[in-house]
Amino acid sequence: MTQDFGLTTHDSIRCSWAGSDPLYIKYHDEEWGKPVYDDKTFFEFLILEGAQAGLSWITILRRRESYRKAFANFVVEKVAAFDDKDFDRLMNDGGIIRNRLKINGAITNAKLFIEIQKEFGSFSKYIWNFIPNGKPIANKIEKMSDVPARTALSDQISKDMKKRGFKFFGTTICYAFMQATGMVNDHLTTCCAR
């Protein structure tokens, strides 16, 4: 049952985008907006958010296990070492989005991710350094239409990562990545997962 302000009532009040799909509800309740400090998780979301470009997030969530299998359980060193044979395997894997540019981008991004780890000690240190005081930004979202698609901060992070050569990481994807990894908390103020 939908109420005003984009709220949905199930067992409790959630952000309306979670809908009624159990996979989406689980992701909403357990992951979205929860701070991540683990490089492996950051790398997973870097691959998944890049794959999502132009598609719905639920499309990617439903393929998450296939991505995990196809991309070496998101072990960045293994993905960075993918060769032409791996690329061909990925292009023939019906469990993932078979887009040549996105697959090449994921492999390129893995190599660049490792470069950031070498430079900063971890990707987590690098990315959280952009956040004031290194603390998650808790936005006061009253209705879903208040959630931005990008911010000045996502512009800044995206610009820095693109300068380093990252693919499929424009400001909108960057902001979705920030939400997914809890750098920003955009749950409604009334949401059970806040």
N, C-alpha and C. Protein backbone atom coordinates (compact mmCIF):
# COMPACT_ATOMS: atom_id res chain seq x y z
N MET A 1 0.86 -1.18 0.00
CA MET A 1 0.00 0.00 0.00
C MET A 1 0.89 1.23 0.00
N THR A 2 0.70 2.12 -0.93
CA THR A 2 1.53 3.31 -1.03
C THR A 2 0.86 4.47 -0.32
N GLN A 3 1.68 5.22 0.41
CA GLN A 3 1.20 6.40 1.11
C GLN A 3 1.90 7.62 0.53
N ASP A 4 1.58 8.78 1.07
CA ASP A 4 2.24 10.01 0.61
C ASP A 4 3.73 9.96 0.93
N PHE A 5 4.47 10.87 0.32
CA PHE A 5 5.91 11.06 0.54
C PHE A 5 6.74 9.88 0.07
N GLY A 6 6.21 9.08 -0.86
CA GLY A 6 7.02 8.00 -1.43
C GLY A 6 7.25 6.85 -0.47
N LEU A 7 6.45 6.72 0.57
CA LEU A 7 6.63 5.63 1.52
C LEU A 7 5.83 4.42 1.09
N THR A 8 6.34 3.26 1.40
CA THR A 8 5.63 2.02 1.14
C THR A 8 5.48 1.28 2.45
N THR A 9 4.31 0.77 2.70
CA THR A 9 4.08 0.02 3.93
C THR A 9 4.09 -1.46 3.64
N HIS A 10 5.00 -2.16 4.25
CA HIS A 10 5.03 -3.63 4.22
C HIS A 10 4.92 -4.00 5.70
N ASP A 11 5.92 -4.69 6.22
CA ASP A 11 5.96 -4.93 7.66
C ASP A 11 6.39 -3.66 8.37
N SER A 12 7.09 -2.80 7.68
CA SER A 12 7.54 -1.52 8.22
C SER A 12 7.68 -0.53 7.07
N ILE A 13 7.98 0.71 7.40
CA ILE A 13 8.08 1.75 6.37
C ILE A 13 9.48 1.74 5.77
N ARG A 14 9.52 1.72 4.43
CA ARG A 14 10.78 1.73 3.70
C ARG A 14 10.75 2.81 2.64
N CYS A 15 11.92 3.12 2.11
CA CYS A 15 12.00 3.96 0.92
C CYS A 15 11.22 3.27 -0.19
N SER A 16 10.44 4.01 -0.93
CA SER A 16 9.53 3.40 -1.91
C SER A 16 10.24 2.64 -3.02
N TRP A 17 11.48 3.01 -3.36
CA TRP A 17 12.16 2.33 -4.46
C TRP A 17 12.40 0.85 -4.16
N ALA A 18 12.38 0.46 -2.89
CA ALA A 18 12.59 -0.95 -2.55
C ALA A 18 11.45 -1.83 -3.02
N GLY A 19 10.25 -1.24 -3.21
CA GLY A 19 9.11 -1.97 -3.76
C GLY A 19 8.78 -3.21 -2.95
N SER A 20 8.40 -4.28 -3.66
CA SER A 20 7.98 -5.50 -2.98
C SER A 20 8.87 -6.70 -3.34
N ASP A 21 9.87 -6.49 -4.20
CA ASP A 21 10.77 -7.57 -4.58
C ASP A 21 11.65 -7.93 -3.38
N PRO A 22 11.63 -9.19 -2.92
CA PRO A 22 12.42 -9.57 -1.74
C PRO A 22 13.91 -9.26 -1.87
N LEU A 23 14.45 -9.40 -3.08
CA LEU A 23 15.87 -9.10 -3.31
C LEU A 23 16.15 -7.62 -3.09
N TYR A 24 15.26 -6.77 -3.61
CA TYR A 24 15.40 -5.32 -3.45
C TYR A 24 15.23 -4.92 -1.98
N ILE A 25 14.27 -5.52 -1.32
CA ILE A 25 14.03 -5.20 0.10
C ILE A 25 15.25 -5.58 0.94
N LYS A 26 15.80 -6.76 0.69
CA LYS A 26 17.00 -7.21 1.43
C LYS A 26 18.17 -6.25 1.19
N TYR A 27 18.38 -5.88 -0.08
CA TYR A 27 19.46 -4.94 -0.41
C TYR A 27 19.22 -3.59 0.29
N HIS A 28 18.00 -3.10 0.22
CA HIS A 28 17.65 -1.83 0.86
C HIS A 28 17.91 -1.88 2.37
N ASP A 29 17.44 -2.94 3.01
CA ASP A 29 17.51 -3.03 4.47
C ASP A 29 18.92 -3.32 4.99
N GLU A 30 19.70 -4.11 4.23
CA GLU A 30 20.97 -4.60 4.76
C GLU A 30 22.22 -3.94 4.17
N GLU A 31 22.10 -3.32 3.01
CA GLU A 31 23.31 -2.78 2.38
C GLU A 31 23.26 -1.30 2.05
N TRP A 32 22.22 -0.86 1.35
CA TRP A 32 22.17 0.50 0.82
C TRP A 32 22.28 1.52 1.95
N GLY A 33 23.25 2.41 1.84
CA GLY A 33 23.42 3.46 2.85
C GLY A 33 24.24 3.04 4.06
N LYS A 34 24.69 1.78 4.09
CA LYS A 34 25.51 1.30 5.21
C LYS A 34 26.98 1.50 4.85
N PRO A 35 27.75 2.19 5.71
CA PRO A 35 29.15 2.49 5.38
C PRO A 35 30.00 1.25 5.11
N VAL A 36 30.76 1.32 4.03
CA VAL A 36 31.68 0.26 3.62
C VAL A 36 33.10 0.78 3.82
N TYR A 37 33.96 -0.08 4.36
CA TYR A 37 35.38 0.27 4.53
C TYR A 37 36.29 -0.81 3.95
N ASP A 38 35.68 -1.84 3.40
CA ASP A 38 36.40 -2.99 2.89
C ASP A 38 36.64 -2.84 1.38
N ASP A 39 37.89 -2.95 0.97
CA ASP A 39 38.23 -2.75 -0.44
C ASP A 39 37.53 -3.75 -1.36
N LYS A 40 37.36 -4.99 -0.92
CA LYS A 40 36.71 -5.98 -1.78
C LYS A 40 35.27 -5.57 -2.08
N THR A 41 34.58 -5.06 -1.07
CA THR A 41 33.20 -4.60 -1.27
C THR A 41 33.16 -3.38 -2.16
N PHE A 42 34.10 -2.46 -1.96
CA PHE A 42 34.18 -1.29 -2.84
C PHE A 42 34.39 -1.73 -4.29
N PHE A 43 35.27 -2.70 -4.49
CA PHE A 43 35.53 -3.17 -5.85
C PHE A 43 34.30 -3.83 -6.46
N GLU A 44 33.58 -4.61 -5.66
CA GLU A 44 32.35 -5.24 -6.13
C GLU A 44 31.37 -4.18 -6.62
N PHE A 45 31.16 -3.13 -5.81
CA PHE A 45 30.21 -2.10 -6.22
C PHE A 45 30.72 -1.29 -7.40
N LEU A 46 32.03 -1.14 -7.53
CA LEU A 46 32.58 -0.44 -8.70
C LEU A 46 32.21 -1.21 -9.98
N ILE A 47 32.34 -2.52 -9.94
CA ILE A 47 31.98 -3.34 -11.11
C ILE A 47 30.47 -3.32 -11.34
N LEU A 48 29.70 -3.52 -10.27
CA LEU A 48 28.24 -3.59 -10.42
C LEU A 48 27.64 -2.26 -10.86
N GLU A 49 28.10 -1.16 -10.30
CA GLU A 49 27.57 0.16 -10.69
C GLU A 49 27.93 0.48 -12.13
N GLY A 50 29.13 0.11 -12.56
CA GLY A 50 29.52 0.32 -13.95
C GLY A 50 28.66 -0.50 -14.90
N ALA A 51 28.34 -1.73 -14.49
CA ALA A 51 27.48 -2.60 -15.31
C ALA A 51 26.06 -2.04 -15.39
N GLN A 52 25.65 -1.34 -14.35
CA GLN A 52 24.28 -0.84 -14.25
C GLN A 52 24.01 0.34 -15.19
N ALA A 53 25.05 1.03 -15.63
CA ALA A 53 24.87 2.23 -16.47
C ALA A 53 23.82 1.99 -17.55
N GLY A 54 22.76 2.79 -17.51
CA GLY A 54 21.70 2.71 -18.51
C GLY A 54 20.65 1.64 -18.22
N LEU A 55 20.81 0.90 -17.14
CA LEU A 55 19.89 -0.17 -16.78
C LEU A 55 19.33 0.09 -15.38
N SER A 56 18.36 -0.70 -14.98
CA SER A 56 17.83 -0.58 -13.62
C SER A 56 18.72 -1.36 -12.66
N TRP A 57 18.77 -0.91 -11.40
CA TRP A 57 19.62 -1.56 -10.41
C TRP A 57 19.14 -2.99 -10.14
N ILE A 58 17.84 -3.22 -10.17
CA ILE A 58 17.33 -4.57 -9.91
C ILE A 58 17.82 -5.55 -10.98
N THR A 59 18.02 -5.07 -12.21
CA THR A 59 18.57 -5.91 -13.28
C THR A 59 19.94 -6.44 -12.88
N ILE A 60 20.74 -5.58 -12.27
CA ILE A 60 22.09 -5.98 -11.84
C ILE A 60 22.02 -6.84 -10.58
N LEU A 61 21.17 -6.44 -9.63
CA LEU A 61 21.05 -7.23 -8.40
C LEU A 61 20.68 -8.68 -8.71
N ARG A 62 19.80 -8.87 -9.66
CA ARG A 62 19.38 -10.23 -10.02
C ARG A 62 20.53 -11.03 -10.66
N ARG A 63 21.52 -10.35 -11.17
CA ARG A 63 22.68 -11.00 -11.80
C ARG A 63 23.91 -10.98 -10.89
N ARG A 64 23.77 -10.52 -9.67
CA ARG A 64 24.92 -10.32 -8.78
C ARG A 64 25.72 -11.60 -8.59
N GLU A 65 25.06 -12.72 -8.36
CA GLU A 65 25.78 -13.99 -8.17
C GLU A 65 26.52 -14.39 -9.44
N SER A 66 25.92 -14.13 -10.59
CA SER A 66 26.59 -14.42 -11.86
C SER A 66 27.82 -13.53 -12.02
N TYR A 67 27.70 -12.27 -11.61
CA TYR A 67 28.87 -11.36 -11.65
C TYR A 67 29.96 -11.85 -10.72
N ARG A 68 29.54 -12.30 -9.54
CA ARG A 68 30.52 -12.80 -8.57
C ARG A 68 31.31 -13.97 -9.18
N LYS A 69 30.60 -14.87 -9.82
CA LYS A 69 31.25 -16.04 -10.45
C LYS A 69 32.11 -15.60 -11.65
N ALA A 70 31.57 -14.75 -12.49
CA ALA A 70 32.27 -14.33 -13.71
C ALA A 70 33.51 -13.49 -13.42
N PHE A 71 33.44 -12.70 -12.33
CA PHE A 71 34.54 -11.79 -12.00
C PHE A 71 35.32 -12.25 -10.77
N ALA A 72 35.62 -13.56 -10.75
CA ALA A 72 36.55 -14.14 -9.77
C ALA A 72 36.24 -13.74 -8.33
N ASN A 73 34.95 -13.77 -7.99
CA ASN A 73 34.51 -13.42 -6.64
C ASN A 73 34.98 -12.01 -6.24
N PHE A 74 35.13 -11.14 -7.23
CA PHE A 74 35.54 -9.75 -7.04
C PHE A 74 36.91 -9.61 -6.37
N VAL A 75 37.78 -10.57 -6.66
CA VAL A 75 39.17 -10.44 -6.21
C VAL A 75 39.87 -9.57 -7.25
N VAL A 76 40.22 -8.36 -6.84
CA VAL A 76 40.68 -7.34 -7.79
C VAL A 76 41.92 -7.78 -8.56
N GLU A 77 42.85 -8.45 -7.89
CA GLU A 77 44.09 -8.88 -8.57
C GLU A 77 43.79 -9.87 -9.69
N LYS A 78 42.82 -10.74 -9.47
CA LYS A 78 42.46 -11.72 -10.50
C LYS A 78 41.79 -11.03 -11.69
N VAL A 79 40.90 -10.08 -11.42
CA VAL A 79 40.22 -9.37 -12.50
C VAL A 79 41.22 -8.52 -13.29
N ALA A 80 42.15 -7.90 -12.59
CA ALA A 80 43.16 -7.07 -13.27
C ALA A 80 44.02 -7.91 -14.21
N ALA A 81 44.14 -9.20 -13.93
CA ALA A 81 44.97 -10.09 -14.75
C ALA A 81 44.18 -10.77 -15.87
N PHE A 82 42.89 -10.45 -16.01
CA PHE A 82 42.08 -11.05 -17.08
C PHE A 82 42.72 -10.74 -18.43
N ASP A 83 42.72 -11.75 -19.30
CA ASP A 83 43.30 -11.60 -20.64
C ASP A 83 42.20 -11.75 -21.71
N ASP A 84 42.63 -11.89 -22.96
CA ASP A 84 41.67 -11.99 -24.07
C ASP A 84 40.74 -13.20 -23.92
N LYS A 85 41.28 -14.30 -23.39
CA LYS A 85 40.48 -15.50 -23.18
C LYS A 85 39.37 -15.21 -22.15
N ASP A 86 39.73 -14.51 -21.08
CA ASP A 86 38.73 -14.13 -20.07
C ASP A 86 37.69 -13.19 -20.67
N PHE A 87 38.15 -12.26 -21.47
CA PHE A 87 37.23 -11.32 -22.11
C PHE A 87 36.21 -12.07 -22.97
N ASP A 88 36.69 -13.01 -23.77
CA ASP A 88 35.79 -13.82 -24.61
C ASP A 88 34.81 -14.62 -23.75
N ARG A 89 35.30 -15.18 -22.65
CA ARG A 89 34.44 -15.93 -21.73
C ARG A 89 33.34 -15.02 -21.19
N LEU A 90 33.69 -13.80 -20.79
CA LEU A 90 32.71 -12.85 -20.25
C LEU A 90 31.70 -12.44 -21.32
N MET A 91 32.18 -12.24 -22.54
CA MET A 91 31.28 -11.85 -23.63
C MET A 91 30.27 -12.94 -23.97
N ASN A 92 30.58 -14.18 -23.57
CA ASN A 92 29.69 -15.30 -23.84
C ASN A 92 28.91 -15.75 -22.60
N ASP A 93 29.05 -15.00 -21.51
CA ASP A 93 28.40 -15.36 -20.25
C ASP A 93 27.01 -14.71 -20.19
N GLY A 94 25.97 -15.52 -20.36
CA GLY A 94 24.60 -15.01 -20.35
C GLY A 94 24.13 -14.53 -18.99
N GLY A 95 24.91 -14.76 -17.95
CA GLY A 95 24.52 -14.34 -16.61
C GLY A 95 24.86 -12.90 -16.28
N ILE A 96 25.66 -12.27 -17.16
CA ILE A 96 26.05 -10.87 -16.93
C ILE A 96 25.61 -10.03 -18.13
N ILE A 97 25.79 -8.72 -18.00
CA ILE A 97 25.51 -7.81 -19.13
C ILE A 97 26.70 -7.91 -20.09
N ARG A 98 26.43 -8.42 -21.28
CA ARG A 98 27.51 -8.67 -22.24
C ARG A 98 27.72 -7.45 -23.14
N ASN A 99 28.31 -6.46 -22.54
CA ASN A 99 28.60 -5.21 -23.24
C ASN A 99 30.12 -5.07 -23.29
N ARG A 100 30.64 -5.04 -24.49
CA ARG A 100 32.09 -4.99 -24.71
C ARG A 100 32.77 -3.85 -23.93
N LEU A 101 32.18 -2.65 -24.00
CA LEU A 101 32.79 -1.50 -23.32
C LEU A 101 32.74 -1.65 -21.80
N LYS A 102 31.63 -2.18 -21.28
CA LYS A 102 31.51 -2.35 -19.82
C LYS A 102 32.48 -3.42 -19.31
N ILE A 103 32.63 -4.50 -20.06
CA ILE A 103 33.55 -5.56 -19.65
C ILE A 103 35.00 -5.06 -19.70
N ASN A 104 35.37 -4.40 -20.79
CA ASN A 104 36.71 -3.80 -20.87
C ASN A 104 36.92 -2.80 -19.74
N GLY A 105 35.87 -2.00 -19.46
CA GLY A 105 35.94 -1.00 -18.40
C GLY A 105 36.18 -1.64 -17.04
N ALA A 106 35.53 -2.77 -16.77
CA ALA A 106 35.70 -3.46 -15.49
C ALA A 106 37.14 -3.94 -15.32
N ILE A 107 37.72 -4.46 -16.38
CA ILE A 107 39.11 -4.95 -16.31
C ILE A 107 40.08 -3.78 -16.14
N THR A 108 39.85 -2.72 -16.90
CA THR A 108 40.67 -1.50 -16.76
C THR A 108 40.55 -0.94 -15.35
N ASN A 109 39.32 -0.87 -14.85
CA ASN A 109 39.10 -0.32 -13.51
C ASN A 109 39.78 -1.15 -12.43
N ALA A 110 39.86 -2.46 -12.63
CA ALA A 110 40.54 -3.33 -11.67
C ALA A 110 42.03 -2.94 -11.58
N LYS A 111 42.65 -2.71 -12.71
CA LYS A 111 44.07 -2.32 -12.73
C LYS A 111 44.27 -0.98 -12.04
N LEU A 112 43.35 -0.04 -12.30
CA LEU A 112 43.45 1.30 -11.71
C LEU A 112 43.14 1.27 -10.21
N PHE A 113 42.24 0.39 -9.80
CA PHE A 113 41.90 0.20 -8.39
C PHE A 113 43.16 -0.21 -7.62
N ILE A 114 43.94 -1.13 -8.20
CA ILE A 114 45.19 -1.58 -7.57
C ILE A 114 46.19 -0.42 -7.48
N GLU A 115 46.25 0.42 -8.51
CA GLU A 115 47.13 1.59 -8.47
C GLU A 115 46.77 2.52 -7.31
N ILE A 116 45.48 2.71 -7.10
CA ILE A 116 45.03 3.55 -5.98
C ILE A 116 45.41 2.89 -4.65
N GLN A 117 45.24 1.57 -4.56
CA GLN A 117 45.63 0.87 -3.33
C GLN A 117 47.12 1.08 -3.04
N LYS A 118 47.93 1.01 -4.07
CA LYS A 118 49.39 1.21 -3.90
C LYS A 118 49.68 2.64 -3.45
N GLU A 119 48.99 3.60 -4.04
CA GLU A 119 49.25 5.01 -3.73
C GLU A 119 48.76 5.43 -2.34
N PHE A 120 47.58 4.92 -1.94
CA PHE A 120 46.95 5.40 -0.71
C PHE A 120 46.94 4.37 0.42
N GLY A 121 47.38 3.15 0.15
CA GLY A 121 47.35 2.10 1.16
C GLY A 121 46.10 1.25 1.06
N SER A 122 45.00 1.85 0.62
CA SER A 122 43.76 1.12 0.35
C SER A 122 42.85 2.03 -0.48
N PHE A 123 41.94 1.41 -1.20
CA PHE A 123 40.96 2.20 -1.93
C PHE A 123 40.05 2.91 -0.94
N SER A 124 39.76 2.25 0.17
CA SER A 124 38.90 2.83 1.20
C SER A 124 39.46 4.17 1.70
N LYS A 125 40.76 4.21 1.97
CA LYS A 125 41.39 5.46 2.44
C LYS A 125 41.24 6.54 1.39
N TYR A 126 41.48 6.17 0.14
CA TYR A 126 41.36 7.12 -0.96
C TYR A 126 39.95 7.71 -1.04
N ILE A 127 38.94 6.84 -1.08
CA ILE A 127 37.58 7.31 -1.35
C ILE A 127 36.99 8.05 -0.15
N TRP A 128 37.25 7.56 1.07
CA TRP A 128 36.71 8.24 2.25
C TRP A 128 37.39 9.58 2.50
N ASN A 129 38.57 9.77 1.94
CA ASN A 129 39.27 11.05 2.08
C ASN A 129 38.49 12.21 1.45
N PHE A 130 37.60 11.89 0.51
CA PHE A 130 36.78 12.93 -0.12
C PHE A 130 35.64 13.41 0.80
N ILE A 131 35.28 12.59 1.77
CA ILE A 131 34.13 12.88 2.63
C ILE A 131 34.59 13.72 3.81
N PRO A 132 33.92 14.86 4.06
CA PRO A 132 34.31 15.72 5.19
C PRO A 132 34.39 14.93 6.50
N ASN A 133 35.53 15.01 7.17
CA ASN A 133 35.80 14.31 8.43
C ASN A 133 35.73 12.79 8.29
N GLY A 134 35.64 12.28 7.06
CA GLY A 134 35.59 10.84 6.85
C GLY A 134 34.36 10.17 7.42
N LYS A 135 33.32 10.96 7.67
CA LYS A 135 32.09 10.41 8.26
C LYS A 135 30.98 10.43 7.21
N PRO A 136 30.15 9.38 7.17
CA PRO A 136 29.06 9.33 6.19
C PRO A 136 28.19 10.58 6.25
N ILE A 137 27.77 11.04 5.10
CA ILE A 137 26.88 12.20 5.00
C ILE A 137 25.44 11.70 5.14
N ALA A 138 24.78 12.12 6.21
CA ALA A 138 23.39 11.70 6.45
C ALA A 138 22.47 12.82 5.95
N ASN A 139 21.95 12.64 4.75
CA ASN A 139 21.04 13.64 4.19
C ASN A 139 19.67 13.51 4.84
N LYS A 140 18.98 14.60 4.94
CA LYS A 140 17.63 14.61 5.51
C LYS A 140 16.64 14.54 4.34
N ILE A 141 16.28 13.32 3.97
CA ILE A 141 15.41 13.09 2.82
C ILE A 141 13.98 12.87 3.32
N GLU A 142 13.11 13.80 2.96
CA GLU A 142 11.70 13.71 3.38
C GLU A 142 10.86 12.92 2.37
N LYS A 143 11.21 13.02 1.08
CA LYS A 143 10.49 12.28 0.05
C LYS A 143 11.49 11.91 -1.05
N MET A 144 11.20 10.83 -1.74
CA MET A 144 12.16 10.30 -2.71
C MET A 144 12.55 11.30 -3.79
N SER A 145 11.67 12.22 -4.11
CA SER A 145 12.00 13.22 -5.13
C SER A 145 13.09 14.18 -4.65
N ASP A 146 13.41 14.16 -3.35
CA ASP A 146 14.49 15.00 -2.81
C ASP A 146 15.87 14.37 -3.01
N VAL A 147 15.91 13.10 -3.39
CA VAL A 147 17.20 12.42 -3.55
C VAL A 147 17.86 12.92 -4.83
N PRO A 148 19.07 13.46 -4.72
CA PRO A 148 19.74 13.97 -5.93
C PRO A 148 20.29 12.84 -6.80
N ALA A 149 20.47 13.11 -8.06
CA ALA A 149 21.09 12.15 -8.98
C ALA A 149 22.61 12.31 -8.95
N ARG A 150 23.05 13.48 -8.54
CA ARG A 150 24.49 13.79 -8.45
C ARG A 150 24.63 14.97 -7.50
N THR A 151 25.84 15.20 -7.02
CA THR A 151 26.12 16.35 -6.16
C THR A 151 27.49 16.92 -6.55
N ALA A 152 27.84 18.04 -5.96
CA ALA A 152 29.16 18.62 -6.22
C ALA A 152 30.25 17.64 -5.79
N LEU A 153 30.00 16.90 -4.72
CA LEU A 153 30.98 15.92 -4.24
C LEU A 153 31.13 14.75 -5.22
N SER A 154 30.01 14.25 -5.75
CA SER A 154 30.11 13.16 -6.74
C SER A 154 30.80 13.68 -8.01
N ASP A 155 30.57 14.95 -8.35
CA ASP A 155 31.28 15.56 -9.48
C ASP A 155 32.79 15.51 -9.24
N GLN A 156 33.19 15.89 -8.02
CA GLN A 156 34.61 15.96 -7.66
C GLN A 156 35.27 14.58 -7.69
N ILE A 157 34.61 13.60 -7.08
CA ILE A 157 35.16 12.24 -7.03
C ILE A 157 35.23 11.65 -8.44
N SER A 158 34.15 11.80 -9.19
CA SER A 158 34.09 11.28 -10.55
C SER A 158 35.20 11.89 -11.41
N LYS A 159 35.38 13.19 -11.27
CA LYS A 159 36.41 13.90 -12.05
C LYS A 159 37.80 13.34 -11.72
N ASP A 160 38.06 13.12 -10.43
CA ASP A 160 39.36 12.60 -10.03
C ASP A 160 39.57 11.18 -10.56
N MET A 161 38.53 10.35 -10.46
CA MET A 161 38.67 8.97 -10.92
C MET A 161 38.77 8.89 -12.44
N LYS A 162 38.03 9.75 -13.13
CA LYS A 162 38.13 9.77 -14.60
C LYS A 162 39.53 10.23 -15.03
N LYS A 163 40.08 11.19 -14.29
CA LYS A 163 41.42 11.67 -14.58
C LYS A 163 42.44 10.53 -14.42
N ARG A 164 42.16 9.62 -13.52
CA ARG A 164 43.02 8.46 -13.30
C ARG A 164 42.77 7.37 -14.34
N GLY A 165 41.72 7.53 -15.16
CA GLY A 165 41.45 6.60 -16.25
C GLY A 165 40.26 5.67 -16.04
N PHE A 166 39.54 5.81 -14.93
CA PHE A 166 38.41 4.93 -14.66
C PHE A 166 37.32 5.10 -15.72
N LYS A 167 36.69 3.99 -16.07
CA LYS A 167 35.62 3.96 -17.06
C LYS A 167 34.28 3.76 -16.35
N PHE A 168 33.21 4.20 -16.99
CA PHE A 168 31.85 4.05 -16.45
C PHE A 168 31.77 4.52 -15.00
N PHE A 169 32.28 5.73 -14.77
CA PHE A 169 32.21 6.29 -13.43
C PHE A 169 31.94 7.80 -13.50
N GLY A 170 30.92 8.15 -14.30
CA GLY A 170 30.48 9.54 -14.35
C GLY A 170 29.85 9.93 -13.03
N THR A 171 29.46 11.17 -12.91
CA THR A 171 28.97 11.68 -11.62
C THR A 171 27.70 10.99 -11.13
N THR A 172 26.81 10.59 -12.04
CA THR A 172 25.58 9.90 -11.61
C THR A 172 25.89 8.50 -11.09
N ILE A 173 26.76 7.78 -11.80
CA ILE A 173 27.18 6.46 -11.32
C ILE A 173 27.94 6.61 -10.01
N CYS A 174 28.78 7.64 -9.93
CA CYS A 174 29.53 7.89 -8.70
C CYS A 174 28.59 8.11 -7.52
N TYR A 175 27.53 8.90 -7.74
CA TYR A 175 26.61 9.16 -6.62
C TYR A 175 25.89 7.88 -6.21
N ALA A 176 25.50 7.05 -7.17
CA ALA A 176 24.87 5.76 -6.85
C ALA A 176 25.84 4.88 -6.07
N PHE A 177 27.12 4.91 -6.44
CA PHE A 177 28.18 4.19 -5.74
C PHE A 177 28.31 4.70 -4.31
N MET A 178 28.24 6.02 -4.14
CA MET A 178 28.33 6.61 -2.80
C MET A 178 27.14 6.17 -1.92
N GLN A 179 25.96 6.09 -2.52
CA GLN A 179 24.78 5.62 -1.78
C GLN A 179 24.93 4.14 -1.43
N ALA A 180 25.34 3.34 -2.40
CA ALA A 180 25.46 1.90 -2.19
C ALA A 180 26.47 1.56 -1.10
N THR A 181 27.52 2.35 -0.99
CA THR A 181 28.60 2.07 -0.03
C THR A 181 28.49 2.91 1.23
N GLY A 182 27.39 3.60 1.40
CA GLY A 182 27.14 4.32 2.65
C GLY A 182 27.98 5.56 2.86
N MET A 183 28.61 6.05 1.82
CA MET A 183 29.31 7.34 1.95
C MET A 183 28.28 8.44 2.18
N VAL A 184 27.10 8.23 1.59
CA VAL A 184 25.94 9.08 1.87
C VAL A 184 24.79 8.17 2.28
N ASN A 185 23.97 8.67 3.18
CA ASN A 185 22.77 7.94 3.60
C ASN A 185 21.57 8.74 3.11
N ASP A 186 20.91 8.20 2.09
CA ASP A 186 19.75 8.87 1.50
C ASP A 186 18.45 8.15 1.81
N HIS A 187 18.45 7.34 2.87
CA HIS A 187 17.19 6.75 3.31
C HIS A 187 16.27 7.88 3.77
N LEU A 188 14.99 7.71 3.54
CA LEU A 188 14.01 8.67 4.04
C LEU A 188 14.17 8.79 5.56
N THR A 189 13.88 9.97 6.09
CA THR A 189 14.00 10.18 7.53
C THR A 189 13.07 9.24 8.30
N THR A 190 12.02 8.76 7.67
CA THR A 190 11.03 7.87 8.31
C THR A 190 11.33 6.39 8.01
N CYS A 191 12.38 6.10 7.28
CA CYS A 191 12.66 4.72 6.84
C CYS A 191 13.18 3.84 7.98
N CYS A 192 12.72 2.60 7.99
CA CYS A 192 13.14 1.64 9.01
C CYS A 192 14.64 1.33 8.93
N ALA A 193 15.26 1.51 7.77
CA ALA A 193 16.67 1.18 7.59
C ALA A 193 17.59 2.36 7.90
N ARG A 194 17.03 3.49 8.23
CA ARG A 194 17.84 4.68 8.52
C ARG A 194 18.68 4.39 9.71
